[in-house]
Protein backbone atom coordinates (compact mmCIF):
# COMPACT_ATOMS: atom_id res chain seq x y z
CA UNK A 1 22.86 -8.17 16.82
CA UNK A 2 20.19 -5.90 16.70
CA UNK A 3 16.95 -6.10 15.20
CA UNK A 4 16.03 -4.60 11.65
CA UNK A 5 13.00 -2.07 11.88
CA UNK A 6 11.18 -1.33 8.82
CA UNK A 7 8.15 0.82 8.81
CA UNK A 8 5.37 0.75 6.11
CA UNK A 9 2.89 3.58 5.76
CA UNK A 10 -0.61 1.41 4.73
CA UNK A 11 -2.98 4.56 5.08
CA UNK A 12 -5.16 2.65 7.63
CA UNK A 13 -5.16 2.60 11.66
CA UNK A 14 -4.11 -1.05 12.24
CA UNK A 15 -6.04 -2.64 15.21
CA UNK A 16 -5.16 -6.26 14.67
CA UNK A 17 -2.26 -7.89 12.82
CA UNK A 18 -1.58 -11.70 12.27
CA UNK A 19 1.13 -13.74 10.74
CA UNK A 20 -0.19 -16.12 8.06
CA UNK A 21 0.89 -19.76 9.39
CA UNK A 22 3.26 -22.03 7.30
CA UNK A 23 2.82 -25.49 6.87
CA UNK A 24 5.63 -26.15 8.94
CA UNK A 25 6.40 -23.31 11.21
CA UNK A 26 9.85 -25.23 12.58
CA UNK A 27 11.29 -24.99 9.34
CA UNK A 28 10.65 -21.80 7.66
CA UNK A 29 8.90 -18.59 9.29
CA UNK A 30 5.89 -16.88 7.57
CA UNK A 31 6.73 -13.65 5.22
CA UNK A 32 2.83 -12.80 4.73
CA UNK A 33 0.25 -11.42 7.52
CA UNK A 34 -2.95 -10.07 7.80
CA UNK A 35 -3.93 -6.78 9.05
CA UNK A 36 -7.51 -5.32 10.35
CA UNK A 37 -8.20 -1.61 10.22
CA UNK A 38 -10.49 0.37 12.48
CA UNK A 39 -12.04 3.85 12.80
CA UNK A 40 -12.53 4.32 9.35
CA UNK A 41 -15.70 4.94 7.06
CA UNK A 42 -14.30 1.93 4.99
CA UNK A 43 -12.41 -0.61 7.00
CA UNK A 44 -10.83 -3.45 5.35
CA UNK A 45 -8.85 -6.62 5.88
CA UNK A 46 -5.55 -6.61 3.98
CA UNK A 47 -3.04 -9.55 3.12
CA UNK A 48 0.65 -8.38 3.00
CA UNK A 49 3.86 -9.60 1.64
CA UNK A 50 7.29 -8.68 3.03
CA UNK A 51 9.50 -9.37 0.40
CA UNK A 52 12.98 -9.26 2.22
CA UNK A 53 14.07 -9.36 6.03
CA UNK A 54 17.40 -8.24 4.97
CA UNK A 55 16.37 -4.89 3.17
CA UNK A 56 15.10 -2.44 5.59
CA UNK A 57 13.93 -0.31 2.99
CA UNK A 58 11.80 -3.07 1.24
CA UNK A 59 8.14 -2.00 0.70
CA UNK A 60 5.25 -4.15 1.74
CA UNK A 61 3.14 -5.56 -1.02
CA UNK A 62 -0.58 -5.81 -0.44
CA UNK A 63 -1.40 -9.09 -1.92
CA UNK A 64 -5.14 -9.02 -1.12
CA UNK A 65 -8.07 -7.12 0.43
CA UNK A 66 -11.56 -7.15 1.71
CA UNK A 67 -14.00 -4.71 2.89
CA UNK A 68 -14.93 -5.06 6.60
CA UNK A 69 -18.21 -3.50 8.02
CA UNK A 70 -17.28 -2.05 11.27
CA UNK A 71 -13.80 -1.93 13.07
CA UNK A 72 -12.03 -4.98 13.03
CA UNK A 73 -11.70 -6.34 16.63
CA UNK A 74 -9.92 -9.43 16.72
CA UNK A 75 -8.26 -11.93 14.13
CA UNK A 76 -7.40 -15.33 14.50
CA UNK A 77 -6.18 -18.22 12.10
CA UNK A 78 -7.61 -21.30 12.42
CA UNK A 79 -5.15 -23.13 9.86
CA UNK A 80 -2.94 -22.10 6.98
CA UNK A 81 -6.00 -21.19 4.85
CA UNK A 82 -8.87 -20.04 7.31
CA UNK A 83 -9.26 -17.07 9.71
CA UNK A 84 -11.56 -15.77 11.63
CA UNK A 85 -12.36 -11.98 12.48
CA UNK A 86 -14.61 -9.88 14.78
CA UNK A 87 -16.52 -6.61 14.37
CA UNK A 88 -17.51 -3.97 16.39
CA UNK A 89 -20.82 -4.48 14.63
CA UNK A 90 -21.30 -7.48 16.63
CA UNK A 91 -20.48 -10.40 13.96
CA UNK A 92 -18.07 -12.53 13.20
CA UNK A 93 -16.56 -13.88 9.87
CA UNK A 94 -14.77 -16.89 8.76
CA UNK A 95 -12.70 -15.98 5.75
CA UNK A 96 -10.67 -18.07 3.54
CA UNK A 97 -7.25 -17.17 1.55
CA UNK A 98 -7.28 -18.44 -1.85
CA UNK A 99 -4.45 -18.48 -4.24
CA UNK A 100 -4.52 -18.72 -7.88
CA UNK A 101 -1.59 -20.66 -8.54
CA UNK A 102 0.86 -17.37 -8.71
CA UNK A 103 2.46 -15.99 -5.61
CA UNK A 104 1.18 -12.62 -6.00
CA UNK A 105 -2.49 -13.79 -7.06
CA UNK A 106 -4.12 -14.03 -3.99
CA UNK A 107 -8.01 -13.04 -2.85
CA UNK A 108 -9.99 -13.06 0.62
CA UNK A 109 -13.24 -14.72 0.41
CA UNK A 110 -15.94 -14.87 2.98
CA UNK A 111 -17.22 -18.41 3.97
CA UNK A 112 -19.49 -17.96 6.79
CA UNK A 113 -20.95 -14.99 8.47
CA UNK A 114 -22.44 -15.06 11.72
CA UNK A 115 -24.19 -11.56 12.13
CA UNK A 116 -25.51 -10.06 15.38
CA UNK A 117 -23.76 -12.36 17.54
CA UNK A 118 -23.61 -9.52 20.13
CA UNK A 119 -26.38 -6.83 20.52
CA UNK A 120 -28.02 -4.82 23.51
CA UNK A 121 -31.53 -5.84 24.18
CA UNK A 122 -32.49 -2.30 24.65
CA UNK A 123 -30.79 -0.88 21.72
CA UNK A 124 -32.71 1.08 19.26
CA UNK A 125 -32.57 0.84 15.40
CA UNK A 126 -29.18 1.27 14.23
CA UNK A 127 -27.29 0.65 17.70
CA UNK A 128 -24.52 -2.10 17.42
CA UNK A 129 -22.97 -3.80 20.10
CA UNK A 130 -19.14 -4.79 19.39
CA UNK A 131 -17.93 -8.14 19.68
CA UNK A 132 -14.88 -7.20 21.57
CA UNK A 133 -12.72 -10.29 21.17
CA UNK A 134 -12.82 -13.94 20.19
CA UNK A 135 -10.48 -16.88 20.91
CA UNK A 136 -9.88 -20.13 19.14
CA UNK A 137 -9.10 -23.66 19.61
CA UNK A 138 -8.67 -25.72 16.60
CA UNK A 139 -11.89 -25.16 14.56
CA UNK A 140 -13.94 -24.03 17.92
CA UNK A 141 -14.43 -20.22 18.41
CA UNK A 142 -15.44 -18.44 21.50
CA UNK A 143 -16.40 -14.84 21.34
CA UNK A 144 -17.42 -12.06 23.83
CA UNK A 145 -18.77 -8.62 23.39
CA UNK A 146 -19.69 -5.30 25.54
CA UNK A 147 -23.36 -7.16 25.81
CA UNK A 148 -21.58 -9.57 28.52
CA UNK A 149 -22.43 -12.42 26.12
CA UNK A 150 -20.26 -15.16 25.23
CA UNK A 151 -20.82 -17.51 22.13
CA UNK A 152 -19.33 -20.83 21.01
CA UNK A 153 -18.92 -21.36 17.37
CA UNK A 154 -17.65 -24.31 15.07
CA UNK A 155 -16.15 -23.43 11.82
CA UNK A 156 -18.31 -26.42 10.47
CA UNK A 157 -21.63 -25.02 11.41
CA UNK A 158 -23.59 -21.72 10.31
CA UNK A 159 -25.67 -21.78 13.66
CA UNK A 160 -23.95 -20.97 17.06
CA UNK A 161 -23.01 -24.09 18.95
CA UNK A 162 -24.26 -22.37 22.39
CA UNK A 163 -24.78 -19.02 23.43
CA UNK A 164 -24.40 -17.66 26.84
CA UNK A 165 -26.58 -14.54 27.48
CA UNK A 166 -25.72 -12.75 30.43
CA UNK A 167 -22.65 -14.77 31.23
CA UNK A 168 -21.35 -11.65 32.75
CA UNK A 169 -23.11 -8.31 34.02
CA UNK A 170 -20.59 -5.92 32.49
CA UNK A 171 -18.84 -5.72 29.32
CA UNK A 172 -16.25 -8.59 28.61
CA UNK A 173 -13.02 -7.50 26.55
CA UNK A 174 -10.57 -10.48 26.58
CA UNK A 175 -11.00 -14.21 26.04
CA UNK A 176 -8.40 -17.01 25.72
CA UNK A 177 -8.68 -20.99 25.53
CA UNK A 178 -7.18 -22.71 28.25
CA UNK A 179 -7.82 -26.10 26.89
CA UNK A 180 -10.45 -27.54 24.62
CA UNK A 181 -13.23 -27.15 26.99
CA UNK A 182 -12.16 -24.41 29.31
CA UNK A 183 -12.01 -20.53 28.55
CA UNK A 184 -10.67 -17.50 30.58
CA UNK A 185 -12.59 -14.00 30.47
CA UNK A 186 -11.50 -10.60 31.53
CA UNK A 187 -14.22 -7.91 32.19
CA UNK A 188 -14.57 -4.04 32.51
CA UNK A 189 -14.23 -4.10 36.28
CA UNK A 190 -11.25 -6.38 36.29
CA UNK A 191 -12.74 -9.84 37.18
CA UNK A 192 -11.18 -12.70 35.48
CA UNK A 193 -13.67 -15.91 34.98
CA UNK A 194 -12.62 -19.38 34.03
CA UNK A 195 -15.71 -21.21 32.09
CA UNK A 196 -16.24 -24.65 31.44
CA UNK A 197 -17.76 -25.08 28.07
CA UNK A 198 -18.66 -28.73 28.53
CA UNK A 199 -20.87 -28.22 31.34
CA UNK A 200 -24.18 -27.19 29.57
CA UNK A 201 -26.58 -27.41 32.77
CA UNK A 202 -25.62 -23.88 33.87
CA UNK A 203 -24.18 -20.54 32.80
CA UNK A 204 -21.65 -19.83 35.96
CA UNK A 205 -18.01 -19.56 35.84
CA UNK A 206 -15.97 -22.49 37.72
CA UNK A 207 -13.91 -19.78 39.06
CA UNK A 208 -13.64 -15.86 39.58
CA UNK A 209 -11.01 -13.97 40.59
CA UNK A 210 -9.85 -9.97 40.56
CA UNK A 211 -7.14 -8.47 38.48
CA UNK A 212 -5.92 -6.42 41.33
CA UNK A 213 -7.44 -4.43 44.39
CA UNK A 214 -9.24 -1.68 42.34
CA UNK A 215 -11.48 -2.40 39.32
CA UNK A 216 -9.03 -2.01 36.45
CA UNK A 217 -10.13 -3.20 33.21
CA UNK A 218 -8.72 -6.72 31.73
CA UNK A 219 -7.35 -5.79 28.07
CA UNK A 220 -5.77 -8.89 27.03
CA UNK A 221 -4.92 -12.51 28.11
CA UNK A 222 -2.27 -14.87 27.09
CA UNK A 223 -1.51 -18.53 28.05
CA UNK A 224 2.09 -19.84 28.41
CA UNK A 225 2.83 -22.27 25.54
CA UNK A 226 4.27 -24.84 27.50
CA UNK A 227 3.39 -24.17 31.29
CA UNK A 228 -0.60 -24.25 30.95
CA UNK A 229 -1.28 -23.31 34.23
CA UNK A 230 0.47 -19.91 33.83
CA UNK A 231 -1.69 -16.84 32.11
CA UNK A 232 -0.18 -13.37 31.95
CA UNK A 233 -3.20 -10.41 31.79
CA UNK A 234 -2.56 -6.97 30.62
CA UNK A 235 -4.34 -4.10 32.14
CA UNK A 236 -6.08 -0.92 31.21
CA UNK A 237 -3.51 0.83 33.80
CA UNK A 238 -0.43 -0.52 32.09
CA UNK A 239 -0.12 -3.43 34.68
CA UNK A 240 1.06 -6.95 33.77
CA UNK A 241 -0.09 -9.60 36.12
CA UNK A 242 0.87 -13.44 36.26
CA UNK A 243 -1.54 -16.22 37.44
CA UNK A 244 -1.13 -19.51 38.40
CA UNK A 245 -4.71 -21.47 37.63
CA UNK A 246 -3.78 -23.94 40.31
CA UNK A 247 -4.38 -21.23 43.04
CA UNK A 248 -5.80 -18.56 41.31
CA UNK A 249 -6.99 -16.11 44.19
CA UNK A 250 -4.30 -13.87 44.20
CA UNK A 251 -1.93 -12.93 41.22
CA UNK A 252 1.63 -14.31 42.03
CA UNK A 253 3.53 -11.53 40.16
CA UNK A 254 2.35 -7.85 39.70
CA UNK A 255 4.25 -5.80 37.49
CA UNK A 256 3.80 -2.03 36.91
CA UNK A 257 4.99 -2.33 33.09
CA UNK A 258 3.40 0.28 30.41
CA UNK A 259 2.42 3.95 31.46
CA UNK A 260 -0.95 3.24 29.59
CA UNK A 261 -3.08 0.19 28.64
CA UNK A 262 -1.41 -2.90 27.80
CA UNK A 263 -2.97 -3.81 24.16
CA UNK A 264 -1.59 -7.19 23.51
CA UNK A 265 0.66 -9.85 25.18
CA UNK A 266 2.14 -12.51 23.04
CA UNK A 267 4.44 -15.26 24.19
CA UNK A 268 6.93 -16.56 21.72
CA UNK A 269 5.55 -19.71 20.34
CA UNK A 270 8.47 -21.81 20.51
CA UNK A 271 10.80 -19.72 22.89
CA UNK A 272 8.38 -18.68 25.67
CA UNK A 273 10.89 -17.70 27.58
CA UNK A 274 10.66 -14.65 25.50
CA UNK A 275 7.48 -12.39 25.71
CA UNK A 276 6.06 -9.13 23.68
CA UNK A 277 3.98 -6.45 24.70
CA UNK A 278 2.40 -3.39 23.06
CA UNK A 279 0.87 -0.40 24.76
CA UNK A 280 -1.41 2.43 24.11
CA UNK A 281 1.42 4.57 25.04
CA UNK A 282 3.22 3.68 21.95
CA UNK A 283 5.96 0.86 23.39
CA UNK A 284 6.60 -2.24 22.25
CA UNK A 285 8.65 -4.12 24.77
CA UNK A 286 10.85 -7.59 24.68
CA UNK A 287 10.61 -9.53 27.93
CA UNK A 288 13.34 -11.74 28.63
CA UNK A 289 13.10 -14.39 31.70
CA UNK A 290 16.19 -16.14 30.68
CA UNK A 291 18.27 -13.39 32.55
CA UNK A 292 20.45 -12.59 29.37
CA UNK A 293 23.03 -9.82 30.10
CA UNK A 294 22.03 -6.21 28.47
CA UNK A 295 25.17 -6.43 26.47
CA UNK A 296 24.00 -9.49 24.79
CA UNK A 297 20.76 -8.14 24.10
CA UNK A 298 20.13 -4.56 22.62
CA UNK A 299 17.80 -2.10 23.62
CA UNK A 300 17.15 0.32 26.63
CA UNK A 301 17.14 -1.72 30.09
CA UNK A 302 13.90 -0.61 31.99
CA UNK A 303 13.46 -0.64 35.70
CA UNK A 304 9.85 -2.36 36.84
CA UNK A 305 8.20 -1.99 39.92
CA UNK A 306 6.36 -4.76 41.35
CA UNK A 307 5.15 -7.22 44.30
CA UNK A 308 4.37 -10.56 44.45
CA UNK A 309 4.75 -13.82 46.65
CA UNK A 310 7.76 -15.69 46.61
CA UNK A 311 7.14 -19.47 45.81
CA UNK A 312 8.94 -22.14 43.85
CA UNK A 313 8.70 -21.09 40.13
CA UNK A 314 7.59 -23.83 37.72
CA UNK A 315 6.13 -21.10 35.47
CA UNK A 316 9.06 -20.09 32.88
CA UNK A 317 10.23 -17.31 35.20
CA UNK A 318 6.86 -15.80 36.06
CA UNK A 319 5.62 -17.62 39.21
CA UNK A 320 8.73 -16.58 41.25
CA UNK A 321 7.02 -13.42 42.88
CA UNK A 322 9.27 -10.89 44.27
CA UNK A 323 12.00 -13.11 43.12
CA UNK A 324 11.11 -13.31 39.34
CA UNK A 325 11.45 -9.51 39.09
CA UNK A 326 15.43 -10.13 39.27
CA UNK A 327 15.16 -12.86 36.55
CA UNK A 328 13.26 -10.10 34.21
CA UNK A 329 14.92 -8.09 31.71
CA UNK A 330 12.88 -5.97 29.46
CA UNK A 331 14.07 -4.12 26.45
CA UNK A 332 12.25 -1.36 24.27
CA UNK A 333 12.36 -2.86 20.44
CA UNK A 334 11.58 0.58 18.84
CA UNK A 335 11.55 4.22 20.36
CA UNK A 336 8.28 5.03 22.08
CA UNK A 337 5.63 6.10 19.20
CA UNK A 338 3.44 9.16 19.64
CA UNK A 339 0.34 6.94 18.87
CA UNK A 340 -0.73 3.69 20.39
CA UNK A 341 0.51 0.20 18.95
CA UNK A 342 -2.75 -1.91 19.12
CA UNK A 343 -1.39 -5.40 18.15
CA UNK A 344 1.35 -7.40 17.48
CA UNK A 345 2.49 -10.93 16.46
CA UNK A 346 5.65 -12.63 16.59
CA UNK A 347 7.13 -15.95 14.43
CA UNK A 348 10.72 -17.13 14.92
CA UNK A 349 12.65 -14.09 14.90
CA UNK A 350 10.28 -11.75 13.29
CA UNK A 351 7.82 -9.62 14.59
CA UNK A 352 5.12 -7.41 13.21
CA UNK A 353 3.11 -4.59 14.85
CA UNK A 354 0.19 -2.25 14.07
CA UNK A 355 -0.16 1.26 15.07
CA UNK A 356 -2.65 4.31 15.14
CA UNK A 357 -0.16 6.29 12.94
CA UNK A 358 -1.64 4.35 9.90
CA UNK A 359 1.85 2.41 9.64
CA UNK A 360 3.07 -1.46 10.17
CA UNK A 361 6.39 -2.21 11.34
CA UNK A 362 8.34 -5.14 10.88
CA UNK A 363 11.01 -6.26 12.89
CA UNK A 364 13.43 -8.89 11.75
CA UNK A 365 16.76 -10.89 13.48
CA UNK A 366 14.83 -10.17 16.96
CA UNK A 367 17.37 -11.67 19.57
CA UNK A 368 15.93 -14.71 20.84
């Protein structure tokens, strides 16, 4: 069964999109999501409702919106009510979704604003340093920026818990929690660094390794939901690398994936043998490590080139090196667009993605 695709024009370039969590995601999926825009004089956060997963002609309903200063560079839900978002002006906001009792009566309220977390020391008046990414673990939040600074926040406090000035000598562009006291960051030069946030005495990473042999920017990082030692990293050159953090000197698997930068990598939260990527080349791909036949799953089968080391694979199909390539099936979910797809999120058999063509695409009945 092919996925149903519904495209809706939203009049904003969408940089981030996230499903609103439901109280029990194992029982029912979400039909509500948040978008954040960019490259507009007046950016906004918007809450949307998708009326029907069976009607391809159904229009999105905007439930609420909130003006946002600067580009929205990341959105993460902390729980079903609160979410954090970061700005190209160097700030981070904790926002709350409030419902007045009726399904269509929603509002977005700012609870905490952490302003100017990221800045250039030599910047003149009016200059801003973007907060490029953030990650959350329960109510802890880590932000990174073009200033190489890393900041630890908590949703309970107005003041930062910890500021790591000069954590990196160049721009940091992605961050991911590995566990409650560890994060991994990726920078402009393709360096990946693992940090122990519990060590207060120094500001040095506990390990550092290169994305590839060249200085290729790391654009996004995602951790396997069940095999916690496995992380996948997208690169500015369109590459996708799999790492075993137990021995992280070299990537275990390196794939030549998209022809342009990988903008987001997402494992399915409960079926991690399914992975989804989107790219600046306008592509949206579904990766399947369960070796399903092409006849059982619709889409165009893509041939990938790659290299890696052969070893026993306990990483859900990603740590087999050369052997893992033969277990991967990759399918295009929608025809390639002429504009970058900046962000995606997946919940049960539904996927939402946002694009620079000022449209949001919803896919339902994804074959997983």
